[in-house]
N, C-alpha and C. Protein backbone atom coordinates (compact mmCIF):
# COMPACT_ATOMS: atom_id res chain seq x y z
N MET A 1 36.53 -4.19 -4.27
CA MET A 1 35.74 -5.09 -5.10
C MET A 1 34.28 -4.62 -5.10
N PRO A 2 33.66 -4.43 -6.26
CA PRO A 2 32.28 -3.94 -6.31
C PRO A 2 31.30 -4.99 -5.81
N THR A 3 30.21 -4.50 -5.22
CA THR A 3 29.16 -5.38 -4.74
C THR A 3 28.32 -5.84 -5.92
N ILE A 4 28.05 -7.14 -5.96
CA ILE A 4 27.21 -7.68 -7.02
C ILE A 4 25.77 -7.65 -6.52
N THR A 5 24.91 -7.00 -7.27
CA THR A 5 23.51 -6.90 -6.90
C THR A 5 22.70 -7.85 -7.76
N LYS A 6 21.85 -8.62 -7.11
CA LYS A 6 20.98 -9.53 -7.85
C LYS A 6 19.85 -8.71 -8.47
N LEU A 7 19.54 -9.00 -9.73
CA LEU A 7 18.48 -8.30 -10.44
C LEU A 7 17.28 -9.21 -10.60
N PHE A 8 16.10 -8.65 -10.37
CA PHE A 8 14.84 -9.40 -10.46
C PHE A 8 13.90 -8.70 -11.43
N SER A 9 13.16 -9.49 -12.18
CA SER A 9 12.13 -8.92 -13.04
C SER A 9 10.86 -8.69 -12.20
N MET A 10 10.00 -7.85 -12.70
CA MET A 10 8.72 -7.61 -12.02
C MET A 10 7.91 -8.89 -11.96
N GLN A 11 8.03 -9.71 -12.99
CA GLN A 11 7.32 -10.99 -13.02
C GLN A 11 7.80 -11.88 -11.86
N GLU A 12 9.11 -11.92 -11.62
CA GLU A 12 9.65 -12.72 -10.52
C GLU A 12 9.19 -12.15 -9.18
N ILE A 13 9.23 -10.85 -9.03
CA ILE A 13 8.83 -10.21 -7.78
C ILE A 13 7.36 -10.49 -7.48
N SER A 14 6.53 -10.46 -8.50
CA SER A 14 5.09 -10.64 -8.30
C SER A 14 4.73 -12.04 -7.81
N LYS A 15 5.62 -13.00 -7.98
CA LYS A 15 5.36 -14.37 -7.52
C LYS A 15 5.47 -14.49 -5.99
N HIS A 16 6.13 -13.55 -5.38
CA HIS A 16 6.39 -13.61 -3.93
C HIS A 16 5.39 -12.72 -3.21
N ASN A 17 4.16 -13.23 -3.11
CA ASN A 17 3.06 -12.39 -2.63
C ASN A 17 2.21 -13.06 -1.56
N SER A 18 2.86 -13.82 -0.67
CA SER A 18 2.10 -14.49 0.38
C SER A 18 2.77 -14.28 1.73
N GLN A 19 2.10 -14.69 2.77
CA GLN A 19 2.62 -14.53 4.12
C GLN A 19 3.90 -15.35 4.33
N ASN A 20 4.03 -16.44 3.59
CA ASN A 20 5.21 -17.29 3.72
C ASN A 20 6.34 -16.89 2.78
N ASP A 21 6.08 -15.97 1.88
CA ASP A 21 7.05 -15.55 0.89
C ASP A 21 6.67 -14.15 0.42
N CYS A 22 7.16 -13.15 1.11
CA CYS A 22 6.67 -11.79 0.96
C CYS A 22 7.79 -10.84 0.50
N TRP A 23 7.71 -10.42 -0.77
CA TRP A 23 8.66 -9.45 -1.31
C TRP A 23 7.92 -8.17 -1.66
N VAL A 24 8.60 -7.05 -1.45
CA VAL A 24 8.06 -5.77 -1.89
C VAL A 24 9.13 -5.02 -2.68
N LEU A 25 8.69 -4.20 -3.58
CA LEU A 25 9.58 -3.38 -4.39
C LEU A 25 9.37 -1.93 -3.98
N ILE A 26 10.45 -1.29 -3.52
CA ILE A 26 10.39 0.11 -3.11
C ILE A 26 11.59 0.82 -3.72
N ASP A 27 11.34 1.86 -4.48
CA ASP A 27 12.41 2.62 -5.14
C ASP A 27 13.34 1.71 -5.94
N ASN A 28 12.74 0.77 -6.67
CA ASN A 28 13.47 -0.17 -7.53
C ASN A 28 14.39 -1.12 -6.77
N LYS A 29 14.24 -1.21 -5.47
CA LYS A 29 14.98 -2.18 -4.66
C LYS A 29 13.99 -3.24 -4.18
N VAL A 30 14.46 -4.49 -4.17
CA VAL A 30 13.62 -5.62 -3.80
C VAL A 30 13.94 -6.01 -2.36
N TYR A 31 12.88 -6.13 -1.55
CA TYR A 31 13.03 -6.48 -0.14
C TYR A 31 12.24 -7.75 0.15
N ASP A 32 12.92 -8.71 0.80
CA ASP A 32 12.24 -9.91 1.27
C ASP A 32 11.88 -9.64 2.73
N VAL A 33 10.62 -9.29 2.97
CA VAL A 33 10.17 -8.89 4.31
C VAL A 33 9.40 -10.00 5.02
N THR A 34 9.54 -11.23 4.53
CA THR A 34 8.82 -12.36 5.11
C THR A 34 9.08 -12.46 6.61
N SER A 35 10.33 -12.38 7.01
CA SER A 35 10.68 -12.53 8.43
C SER A 35 10.36 -11.28 9.25
N TYR A 36 10.01 -10.19 8.59
CA TYR A 36 9.72 -8.92 9.28
C TYR A 36 8.23 -8.71 9.51
N LEU A 37 7.40 -9.56 8.95
CA LEU A 37 5.95 -9.37 9.03
C LEU A 37 5.46 -9.17 10.46
N ASP A 38 5.91 -10.03 11.38
CA ASP A 38 5.45 -9.94 12.77
C ASP A 38 5.98 -8.71 13.49
N ASP A 39 7.09 -8.15 13.03
CA ASP A 39 7.72 -7.02 13.70
C ASP A 39 7.30 -5.67 13.13
N HIS A 40 6.63 -5.66 11.99
CA HIS A 40 6.26 -4.40 11.35
C HIS A 40 5.30 -3.61 12.24
N PRO A 41 5.65 -2.37 12.60
CA PRO A 41 4.80 -1.57 13.50
C PRO A 41 3.38 -1.35 12.97
N GLY A 42 3.21 -1.32 11.67
CA GLY A 42 1.89 -1.13 11.08
C GLY A 42 1.10 -2.42 10.93
N GLY A 43 1.69 -3.52 11.36
CA GLY A 43 1.04 -4.82 11.24
C GLY A 43 1.41 -5.51 9.94
N ASP A 44 1.25 -6.82 9.92
CA ASP A 44 1.62 -7.58 8.73
C ASP A 44 0.68 -7.34 7.56
N GLU A 45 -0.55 -6.95 7.84
CA GLU A 45 -1.54 -6.73 6.78
C GLU A 45 -1.08 -5.67 5.78
N VAL A 46 -0.46 -4.63 6.30
CA VAL A 46 0.01 -3.53 5.45
C VAL A 46 1.05 -4.05 4.46
N LEU A 47 1.98 -4.85 4.97
CA LEU A 47 3.01 -5.40 4.09
C LEU A 47 2.41 -6.40 3.11
N LEU A 48 1.48 -7.20 3.58
CA LEU A 48 0.88 -8.21 2.70
C LEU A 48 0.11 -7.57 1.55
N LEU A 49 -0.46 -6.40 1.78
CA LEU A 49 -1.17 -5.69 0.70
C LEU A 49 -0.19 -5.14 -0.34
N ALA A 50 1.07 -4.99 0.07
CA ALA A 50 2.07 -4.40 -0.83
C ALA A 50 2.96 -5.46 -1.48
N THR A 51 2.71 -6.73 -1.22
CA THR A 51 3.61 -7.77 -1.73
C THR A 51 3.51 -7.96 -3.22
N GLY A 52 4.66 -8.35 -3.78
CA GLY A 52 4.70 -8.72 -5.18
C GLY A 52 4.44 -7.60 -6.15
N LYS A 53 4.60 -6.36 -5.72
CA LYS A 53 4.34 -5.24 -6.61
C LYS A 53 5.22 -4.06 -6.21
N ASP A 54 5.14 -2.99 -6.98
CA ASP A 54 5.86 -1.77 -6.64
C ASP A 54 5.09 -1.03 -5.56
N ALA A 55 5.64 -0.99 -4.37
CA ALA A 55 4.96 -0.38 -3.22
C ALA A 55 5.58 0.96 -2.84
N THR A 56 6.30 1.57 -3.76
CA THR A 56 6.99 2.83 -3.47
C THR A 56 6.01 3.91 -3.02
N GLU A 57 4.93 4.07 -3.74
CA GLU A 57 3.96 5.12 -3.42
C GLU A 57 3.36 4.91 -2.03
N GLU A 58 2.96 3.68 -1.72
CA GLU A 58 2.38 3.38 -0.41
C GLU A 58 3.41 3.63 0.70
N PHE A 59 4.66 3.24 0.45
CA PHE A 59 5.72 3.43 1.43
C PHE A 59 5.93 4.91 1.71
N GLU A 60 6.01 5.70 0.66
CA GLU A 60 6.23 7.14 0.81
C GLU A 60 5.03 7.82 1.48
N ASP A 61 3.82 7.39 1.11
CA ASP A 61 2.61 7.98 1.69
C ASP A 61 2.51 7.73 3.19
N ALA A 62 3.10 6.62 3.65
CA ALA A 62 3.03 6.28 5.07
C ALA A 62 3.98 7.15 5.91
N GLY A 63 4.91 7.83 5.28
CA GLY A 63 5.81 8.73 6.00
C GLY A 63 6.76 8.00 6.92
N HIS A 64 7.48 7.03 6.41
CA HIS A 64 8.41 6.25 7.23
C HIS A 64 9.58 7.11 7.71
N SER A 65 10.06 6.79 8.89
CA SER A 65 11.15 7.53 9.52
C SER A 65 12.50 7.10 8.94
N ALA A 66 13.55 7.85 9.33
CA ALA A 66 14.91 7.50 8.92
C ALA A 66 15.29 6.15 9.53
N GLU A 67 14.80 5.87 10.72
CA GLU A 67 15.08 4.59 11.37
C GLU A 67 14.46 3.44 10.58
N ALA A 68 13.24 3.63 10.09
CA ALA A 68 12.59 2.60 9.28
C ALA A 68 13.38 2.35 8.00
N ARG A 69 13.87 3.41 7.41
CA ARG A 69 14.65 3.27 6.18
C ARG A 69 15.96 2.54 6.45
N GLU A 70 16.51 2.73 7.62
CA GLU A 70 17.74 2.03 8.01
C GLU A 70 17.46 0.53 8.21
N ILE A 71 16.35 0.21 8.85
CA ILE A 71 15.96 -1.19 9.07
C ILE A 71 15.77 -1.91 7.74
N MET A 72 15.23 -1.20 6.75
CA MET A 72 14.97 -1.80 5.45
C MET A 72 16.22 -2.39 4.82
N LYS A 73 17.34 -1.76 5.04
CA LYS A 73 18.58 -2.17 4.38
C LYS A 73 18.91 -3.65 4.61
N GLU A 74 18.59 -4.16 5.79
CA GLU A 74 18.93 -5.56 6.07
C GLU A 74 18.03 -6.55 5.34
N TYR A 75 16.92 -6.07 4.79
CA TYR A 75 15.99 -6.95 4.07
C TYR A 75 16.14 -6.84 2.55
N CYS A 76 17.02 -5.97 2.09
CA CYS A 76 17.21 -5.77 0.65
C CYS A 76 17.93 -6.99 0.06
N ILE A 77 17.33 -7.57 -0.97
CA ILE A 77 17.92 -8.75 -1.61
C ILE A 77 18.33 -8.49 -3.05
N GLY A 78 18.04 -7.32 -3.57
CA GLY A 78 18.43 -7.00 -4.94
C GLY A 78 17.69 -5.79 -5.47
N GLU A 79 17.70 -5.68 -6.77
CA GLU A 79 17.07 -4.54 -7.44
C GLU A 79 16.22 -5.01 -8.60
N LEU A 80 15.34 -4.12 -9.02
CA LEU A 80 14.53 -4.38 -10.21
C LEU A 80 15.44 -4.33 -11.43
N ASP A 81 15.33 -5.31 -12.28
CA ASP A 81 16.13 -5.38 -13.50
C ASP A 81 15.61 -4.31 -14.46
N PRO A 82 16.41 -3.28 -14.75
CA PRO A 82 15.92 -2.20 -15.62
C PRO A 82 15.57 -2.67 -17.02
N SER A 83 16.28 -3.65 -17.53
CA SER A 83 15.97 -4.13 -18.88
C SER A 83 14.64 -4.88 -18.90
N ALA A 84 14.33 -5.58 -17.82
CA ALA A 84 13.05 -6.31 -17.74
C ALA A 84 11.91 -5.34 -17.49
N SER A 85 12.16 -4.26 -16.75
CA SER A 85 11.08 -3.34 -16.42
C SER A 85 10.59 -2.57 -17.64
N VAL A 86 11.45 -2.40 -18.64
CA VAL A 86 11.03 -1.71 -19.87
C VAL A 86 9.95 -2.52 -20.56
N SER A 87 10.15 -3.82 -20.67
CA SER A 87 9.15 -4.66 -21.34
C SER A 87 7.92 -4.88 -20.48
N GLU A 88 8.08 -4.70 -19.18
CA GLU A 88 6.95 -4.91 -18.27
C GLU A 88 6.34 -3.59 -17.83
N GLY A 89 6.71 -2.51 -18.49
CA GLY A 89 6.25 -1.18 -18.08
C GLY A 89 4.75 -1.06 -18.00
N GLN A 90 4.05 -1.65 -18.94
CA GLN A 90 2.60 -1.58 -18.94
C GLN A 90 2.04 -2.28 -17.71
N ASN A 91 2.58 -3.45 -17.37
CA ASN A 91 2.11 -4.17 -16.18
C ASN A 91 2.36 -3.37 -14.92
N ALA A 92 3.52 -2.73 -14.82
CA ALA A 92 3.82 -1.93 -13.64
C ALA A 92 2.86 -0.75 -13.53
N THR A 93 2.57 -0.12 -14.67
CA THR A 93 1.63 1.00 -14.68
C THR A 93 0.25 0.52 -14.25
N GLU A 94 -0.17 -0.61 -14.77
CA GLU A 94 -1.48 -1.16 -14.40
C GLU A 94 -1.53 -1.49 -12.92
N THR A 95 -0.43 -2.04 -12.37
CA THR A 95 -0.38 -2.38 -10.95
C THR A 95 -0.51 -1.11 -10.11
N ARG A 96 0.24 -0.06 -10.48
CA ARG A 96 0.15 1.19 -9.72
C ARG A 96 -1.24 1.79 -9.84
N SER A 97 -1.83 1.71 -11.03
CA SER A 97 -3.17 2.23 -11.24
C SER A 97 -4.19 1.49 -10.37
N LEU A 98 -4.08 0.16 -10.34
CA LEU A 98 -4.97 -0.64 -9.51
C LEU A 98 -4.78 -0.31 -8.04
N ALA A 99 -3.53 -0.16 -7.62
CA ALA A 99 -3.25 0.17 -6.22
C ALA A 99 -3.85 1.53 -5.88
N GLY A 100 -3.72 2.49 -6.80
CA GLY A 100 -4.30 3.81 -6.57
C GLY A 100 -5.81 3.75 -6.48
N THR A 101 -6.43 2.94 -7.33
CA THR A 101 -7.89 2.79 -7.31
C THR A 101 -8.34 2.15 -6.00
N LEU A 102 -7.64 1.10 -5.58
CA LEU A 102 -8.00 0.44 -4.32
C LEU A 102 -7.82 1.39 -3.14
N GLY A 103 -6.76 2.19 -3.19
CA GLY A 103 -6.54 3.17 -2.13
C GLY A 103 -7.66 4.19 -2.08
N PHE A 104 -8.11 4.65 -3.27
CA PHE A 104 -9.21 5.60 -3.34
C PHE A 104 -10.48 4.98 -2.75
N ILE A 105 -10.76 3.72 -3.10
CA ILE A 105 -11.96 3.05 -2.59
C ILE A 105 -11.90 2.92 -1.07
N ASN A 106 -10.74 2.54 -0.54
CA ASN A 106 -10.61 2.42 0.92
C ASN A 106 -10.79 3.77 1.59
N ASN A 107 -10.19 4.83 1.03
CA ASN A 107 -10.37 6.16 1.61
C ASN A 107 -11.83 6.59 1.54
N TYR A 108 -12.50 6.28 0.42
CA TYR A 108 -13.90 6.62 0.26
C TYR A 108 -14.76 5.90 1.30
N LYS A 109 -14.49 4.61 1.49
CA LYS A 109 -15.25 3.84 2.48
C LYS A 109 -15.04 4.41 3.88
N GLN A 110 -13.80 4.80 4.19
CA GLN A 110 -13.54 5.37 5.51
C GLN A 110 -14.24 6.70 5.69
N SER A 111 -14.35 7.48 4.63
CA SER A 111 -15.01 8.77 4.75
C SER A 111 -16.51 8.62 4.94
N LEU A 112 -17.07 7.48 4.59
CA LEU A 112 -18.51 7.26 4.76
C LEU A 112 -18.92 6.97 6.20
N TYR A 113 -17.97 6.69 7.07
CA TYR A 113 -18.30 6.37 8.46
C TYR A 113 -19.01 7.53 9.17
N TRP A 114 -18.76 8.74 8.77
CA TRP A 114 -19.39 9.89 9.41
C TRP A 114 -20.71 10.26 8.75
N VAL A 115 -20.97 9.74 7.55
CA VAL A 115 -22.16 10.14 6.79
C VAL A 115 -23.45 9.71 7.49
N LEU A 116 -23.54 8.50 7.98
CA LEU A 116 -24.77 8.01 8.61
C LEU A 116 -25.15 8.84 9.85
N PRO A 117 -24.23 9.07 10.79
CA PRO A 117 -24.62 9.91 11.93
C PRO A 117 -25.06 11.33 11.54
N VAL A 118 -24.38 11.91 10.56
CA VAL A 118 -24.74 13.26 10.12
C VAL A 118 -26.12 13.23 9.44
N ALA A 119 -26.38 12.21 8.65
CA ALA A 119 -27.69 12.08 7.99
C ALA A 119 -28.80 11.93 9.02
N ILE A 120 -28.58 11.12 10.05
CA ILE A 120 -29.59 10.93 11.10
C ILE A 120 -29.85 12.24 11.83
N ALA A 121 -28.77 12.96 12.14
CA ALA A 121 -28.93 14.25 12.81
C ALA A 121 -29.70 15.23 11.92
N GLY A 122 -29.39 15.23 10.61
CA GLY A 122 -30.08 16.12 9.68
C GLY A 122 -31.56 15.81 9.60
N VAL A 123 -31.91 14.53 9.53
CA VAL A 123 -33.32 14.13 9.49
C VAL A 123 -34.02 14.55 10.78
N ALA A 124 -33.35 14.36 11.91
CA ALA A 124 -33.94 14.73 13.20
C ALA A 124 -34.22 16.24 13.27
N VAL A 125 -33.29 17.05 12.78
CA VAL A 125 -33.48 18.50 12.78
C VAL A 125 -34.63 18.87 11.85
N PHE A 126 -34.70 18.25 10.68
CA PHE A 126 -35.77 18.54 9.74
C PHE A 126 -37.14 18.17 10.32
N VAL A 127 -37.24 16.98 10.91
CA VAL A 127 -38.52 16.54 11.49
C VAL A 127 -38.92 17.47 12.63
N SER A 128 -37.95 17.86 13.45
CA SER A 128 -38.25 18.79 14.56
C SER A 128 -38.75 20.13 14.02
N TRP A 129 -38.11 20.63 12.98
CA TRP A 129 -38.49 21.90 12.39
C TRP A 129 -39.91 21.82 11.83
N VAL A 130 -40.22 20.73 11.11
CA VAL A 130 -41.57 20.55 10.55
C VAL A 130 -42.59 20.46 11.68
N TYR A 131 -42.30 19.70 12.71
CA TYR A 131 -43.20 19.52 13.83
C TYR A 131 -43.47 20.85 14.53
N LEU A 132 -42.40 21.64 14.80
CA LEU A 132 -42.56 22.91 15.50
C LEU A 132 -43.28 23.95 14.62
N LYS A 133 -43.11 23.86 13.31
CA LYS A 133 -43.76 24.81 12.41
C LYS A 133 -45.29 24.61 12.40
N LYS A 134 -45.74 23.35 12.59
CA LYS A 134 -47.16 23.07 12.60
C LYS A 134 -47.83 23.56 13.88
N LYS A 135 -47.11 23.74 14.93
CA LYS A 135 -47.71 24.19 16.20
C LYS A 135 -47.96 25.63 16.26
């Protein structure tokens, strides 16, 4: 007997975006990870940032292990409805674009942590050079 898979639209998935109701979409499969938030090795914040949207890119970028992929199976509640995703294609593209932009901003902010110490060191070297040149 074939397994019946529940199909969800992107609109339905996007409604489940809170700590008390947390769904993520990865590789067109829908996962209800609400009960897994406290157990997630990366912390619940990571999952909460991925709720209610297609989190495939973020999931793949994190480099999850085969064991993590096995754990995911127990949280799978269905799949993305392919007929609904065609009409919602623009929204999905916009969501991925926004996620990419936010990721870029976070990476940019993290890269700035070293800028201030390097700038201070550069100013110190310049001031020392100017001071020693006058002597």
